[in-house]
Amino acid sequence: KPAAAAISAALATYLLPAVPEGAVWVQDPDLYHATLYHASSHAKPVPATSGDVLTEARAIQAVAAATCPIRAVLERVVLTSTGVVVACWQATSAGAEPAALRASLAAALPNA
């Protein structure tokens, strides 16, 4: 969370004064997230019953308990030509590797 707060503060200091008011929507740094795995998408929806969802939720909790936390450091911040600010993170040896988490999720979610 400290890195997210630092990025948000830097945006407020350097980016917001340089663009028209209302041109940038700033995410609450407490709500930042990283998507490491998609179990389905709008392009390939996977129908699921409430029982299926509960089973998947338990599988995800088991994977997270075995592989998390992922420790990472902020490597760089990129501002795209369309105004999207992307935080690029590098996993450190102190935590789990994101690829291992993805592989574990793929194994635990056979319908994904």
C-alpha atoms as a PDB file:
ATOM      1  CA  LYS A   1       0.000   0.000   0.000  1.00  0.00           C
ATOM      2  CA  PRO A   2       2.796   2.534   0.602  1.00  0.00           C
ATOM      3  CA  ALA A   3       3.813   2.330  -3.076  1.00  0.00           C
ATOM      4  CA  ALA A   4       0.222   2.888  -4.219  1.00  0.00           C
ATOM      5  CA  ALA A   5      -0.031   5.939  -1.977  1.00  0.00           C
ATOM      6  CA  ALA A   6       3.283   7.270  -3.347  1.00  0.00           C
ATOM      7  CA  ILE A   7       2.079   6.822  -6.944  1.00  0.00           C
ATOM      8  CA  SER A   8      -1.173   8.591  -6.135  1.00  0.00           C
ATOM      9  CA  ALA A   9       0.679  11.472  -4.476  1.00  0.00           C
ATOM     10  CA  ALA A  10       3.027  11.799  -7.460  1.00  0.00           C
ATOM     11  CA  LEU A  11       0.068  11.888  -9.852  1.00  0.00           C
ATOM     12  CA  ALA A  12      -1.533  14.643  -7.793  1.00  0.00           C
ATOM     13  CA  THR A  13       1.721  16.624  -7.758  1.00  0.00           C
ATOM     14  CA  TYR A  14       2.954  16.210 -11.327  1.00  0.00           C
ATOM     15  CA  LEU A  15       0.193  14.962 -13.636  1.00  0.00           C
ATOM     16  CA  LEU A  16      -3.014  16.603 -12.461  1.00  0.00           C
ATOM     17  CA  PRO A  17      -1.693  20.187 -12.756  1.00  0.00           C
ATOM     18  CA  ALA A  18      -0.606  19.465 -16.356  1.00  0.00           C
ATOM     19  CA  VAL A  19      -3.993  18.284 -17.672  1.00  0.00           C
ATOM     20  CA  PRO A  20      -7.441  19.886 -17.815  1.00  0.00           C
ATOM     21  CA  GLU A  21      -9.555  19.501 -14.691  1.00  0.00           C
ATOM     22  CA  GLY A  22     -11.600  16.312 -14.850  1.00  0.00           C
ATOM     23  CA  ALA A  23      -9.425  14.812 -17.604  1.00  0.00           C
ATOM     24  CA  VAL A  24      -7.948  12.206 -15.255  1.00  0.00           C
ATOM     25  CA  TRP A  25      -9.799   9.899 -12.921  1.00  0.00           C
ATOM     26  CA  VAL A  26      -7.609   9.008  -9.950  1.00  0.00           C
ATOM     27  CA  GLN A  27      -8.161   5.619  -8.325  1.00  0.00           C
ATOM     28  CA  ASP A  28      -8.281   5.500  -4.532  1.00  0.00           C
ATOM     29  CA  PRO A  29      -4.875   3.953  -3.656  1.00  0.00           C
ATOM     30  CA  ASP A  30      -6.547   1.737  -1.060  1.00  0.00           C
ATOM     31  CA  LEU A  31      -8.486   0.098  -3.900  1.00  0.00           C
ATOM     32  CA  TYR A  32      -5.586  -0.676  -6.263  1.00  0.00           C
ATOM     33  CA  HIS A  33      -5.446  -4.257  -7.424  1.00  0.00           C
ATOM     34  CA  ALA A  34      -3.483  -6.541  -9.691  1.00  0.00           C
ATOM     35  CA  THR A  35      -5.098  -9.133 -11.903  1.00  0.00           C
ATOM     36  CA  LEU A  36      -2.929 -12.231 -12.153  1.00  0.00           C
ATOM     37  CA  TYR A  37      -5.448 -14.745 -13.466  1.00  0.00           C
ATOM     38  CA  HIS A  38      -8.808 -14.676 -15.245  1.00  0.00           C
ATOM     39  CA  ALA A  39     -11.027 -17.693 -14.658  1.00  0.00           C
ATOM     40  CA  SER A  40     -13.250 -16.630 -17.559  1.00  0.00           C
ATOM     41  CA  SER A  41     -13.948 -13.666 -19.775  1.00  0.00           C
ATOM     42  CA  HIS A  42     -16.783 -12.078 -21.687  1.00  0.00           C
ATOM     43  CA  ALA A  43     -15.343 -13.643 -24.851  1.00  0.00           C
ATOM     44  CA  LYS A  44     -15.532 -17.156 -23.385  1.00  0.00           C
ATOM     45  CA  PRO A  45     -18.040 -17.154 -20.521  1.00  0.00           C
ATOM     46  CA  VAL A  46     -18.152 -20.167 -18.218  1.00  0.00           C
ATOM     47  CA  PRO A  47     -21.625 -20.879 -16.814  1.00  0.00           C
ATOM     48  CA  ALA A  48     -21.522 -21.761 -13.112  1.00  0.00           C
ATOM     49  CA  THR A  49     -24.057 -22.763 -10.514  1.00  0.00           C
ATOM     50  CA  SER A  50     -23.874 -21.352  -6.990  1.00  0.00           C
ATOM     51  CA  GLY A  51     -22.296 -24.672  -5.960  1.00  0.00           C
ATOM     52  CA  ASP A  52     -19.663 -24.307  -8.694  1.00  0.00           C
ATOM     53  CA  VAL A  53     -18.848 -20.793  -7.484  1.00  0.00           C
ATOM     54  CA  LEU A  54     -18.503 -22.000  -3.883  1.00  0.00           C
ATOM     55  CA  THR A  55     -16.222 -24.849  -4.975  1.00  0.00           C
ATOM     56  CA  GLU A  56     -14.069 -22.447  -6.987  1.00  0.00           C
ATOM     57  CA  ALA A  57     -13.909 -19.981  -4.094  1.00  0.00           C
ATOM     58  CA  ARG A  58     -12.638 -22.744  -1.803  1.00  0.00           C
ATOM     59  CA  ALA A  59     -10.067 -23.803  -4.399  1.00  0.00           C
ATOM     60  CA  ILE A  60      -8.854 -20.207  -4.745  1.00  0.00           C
ATOM     61  CA  GLN A  61      -8.560 -19.844  -0.968  1.00  0.00           C
ATOM     62  CA  ALA A  62      -6.500 -23.058  -0.788  1.00  0.00           C
ATOM     63  CA  VAL A  63      -4.175 -21.874  -3.572  1.00  0.00           C
ATOM     64  CA  ALA A  64      -3.769 -18.452  -1.946  1.00  0.00           C
ATOM     65  CA  ALA A  65      -2.981 -20.024   1.430  1.00  0.00           C
ATOM     66  CA  ALA A  66      -0.243 -22.122  -0.173  1.00  0.00           C
ATOM     67  CA  THR A  67       1.313 -19.543  -2.519  1.00  0.00           C
ATOM     68  CA  CYS A  68       0.772 -16.069  -1.099  1.00  0.00           C
ATOM     69  CA  PRO A  69       1.886 -13.479  -0.360  1.00  0.00           C
ATOM     70  CA  ILE A  70       3.644 -12.335  -3.470  1.00  0.00           C
ATOM     71  CA  ARG A  71       6.335  -9.832  -2.532  1.00  0.00           C
ATOM     72  CA  ALA A  72       7.116  -7.230  -5.154  1.00  0.00           C
ATOM     73  CA  VAL A  73       8.851  -3.906  -5.593  1.00  0.00           C
ATOM     74  CA  LEU A  74       7.760  -1.082  -7.831  1.00  0.00           C
ATOM     75  CA  GLU A  75      10.019  -1.100 -10.873  1.00  0.00           C
ATOM     76  CA  ARG A  76       8.597   1.779 -12.877  1.00  0.00           C
ATOM     77  CA  VAL A  77       5.474   3.812 -13.542  1.00  0.00           C
ATOM     78  CA  VAL A  78       4.396   4.343 -17.143  1.00  0.00           C
ATOM     79  CA  LEU A  79       1.937   6.902 -18.480  1.00  0.00           C
ATOM     80  CA  THR A  80       0.456   5.644 -21.757  1.00  0.00           C
ATOM     81  CA  SER A  81      -0.531   7.872 -24.665  1.00  0.00           C
ATOM     82  CA  THR A  82      -4.192   7.393 -23.679  1.00  0.00           C
ATOM     83  CA  GLY A  83      -3.594   8.580 -20.127  1.00  0.00           C
ATOM     84  CA  VAL A  84      -3.495   5.227 -18.356  1.00  0.00           C
ATOM     85  CA  VAL A  85      -0.968   5.055 -15.541  1.00  0.00           C
ATOM     86  CA  VAL A  86       0.549   1.584 -15.254  1.00  0.00           C
ATOM     87  CA  ALA A  87       2.549   0.474 -12.238  1.00  0.00           C
ATOM     88  CA  CYS A  88       5.104  -2.178 -13.226  1.00  0.00           C
ATOM     89  CA  TRP A  89       6.093  -4.505 -10.419  1.00  0.00           C
ATOM     90  CA  GLN A  90       8.972  -6.961 -10.064  1.00  0.00           C
ATOM     91  CA  ALA A  91       8.518 -10.033  -7.861  1.00  0.00           C
ATOM     92  CA  THR A  92      11.258 -10.447  -5.279  1.00  0.00           C
ATOM     93  CA  SER A  93      12.780 -13.689  -4.045  1.00  0.00           C
ATOM     94  CA  ALA A  94      11.168 -13.146  -0.635  1.00  0.00           C
ATOM     95  CA  GLY A  95       7.703 -14.073  -1.902  1.00  0.00           C
ATOM     96  CA  ALA A  96       5.881 -16.391  -4.251  1.00  0.00           C
ATOM     97  CA  GLU A  97       6.404 -16.152  -7.986  1.00  0.00           C
ATOM     98  CA  PRO A  98       3.301 -14.904  -9.863  1.00  0.00           C
ATOM     99  CA  ALA A  99       3.773 -17.641 -12.502  1.00  0.00           C
ATOM    100  CA  ALA A 100       3.542 -20.276  -9.754  1.00  0.00           C
ATOM    101  CA  LEU A 101       0.303 -18.715  -8.515  1.00  0.00           C
ATOM    102  CA  ARG A 102      -1.133 -18.696 -12.048  1.00  0.00           C
ATOM    103  CA  ALA A 103      -0.156 -22.351 -12.579  1.00  0.00           C
ATOM    104  CA  SER A 104      -1.700 -23.352  -9.254  1.00  0.00           C
ATOM    105  CA  LEU A 105      -4.916 -21.511 -10.097  1.00  0.00           C
ATOM    106  CA  ALA A 106      -5.067 -23.152 -13.528  1.00  0.00           C
ATOM    107  CA  ALA A 107      -4.722 -26.573 -11.888  1.00  0.00           C
ATOM    108  CA  ALA A 108      -7.306 -25.768  -9.198  1.00  0.00           C
ATOM    109  CA  LEU A 109      -9.852 -24.309 -11.646  1.00  0.00           C
ATOM    110  CA  PRO A 110     -10.242 -26.904 -14.408  1.00  0.00           C
ATOM    111  CA  ASN A 111     -13.126 -25.008 -16.062  1.00  0.00           C
ATOM    112  CA  ALA A 112     -11.109 -21.819 -16.421  1.00  0.00           C
END
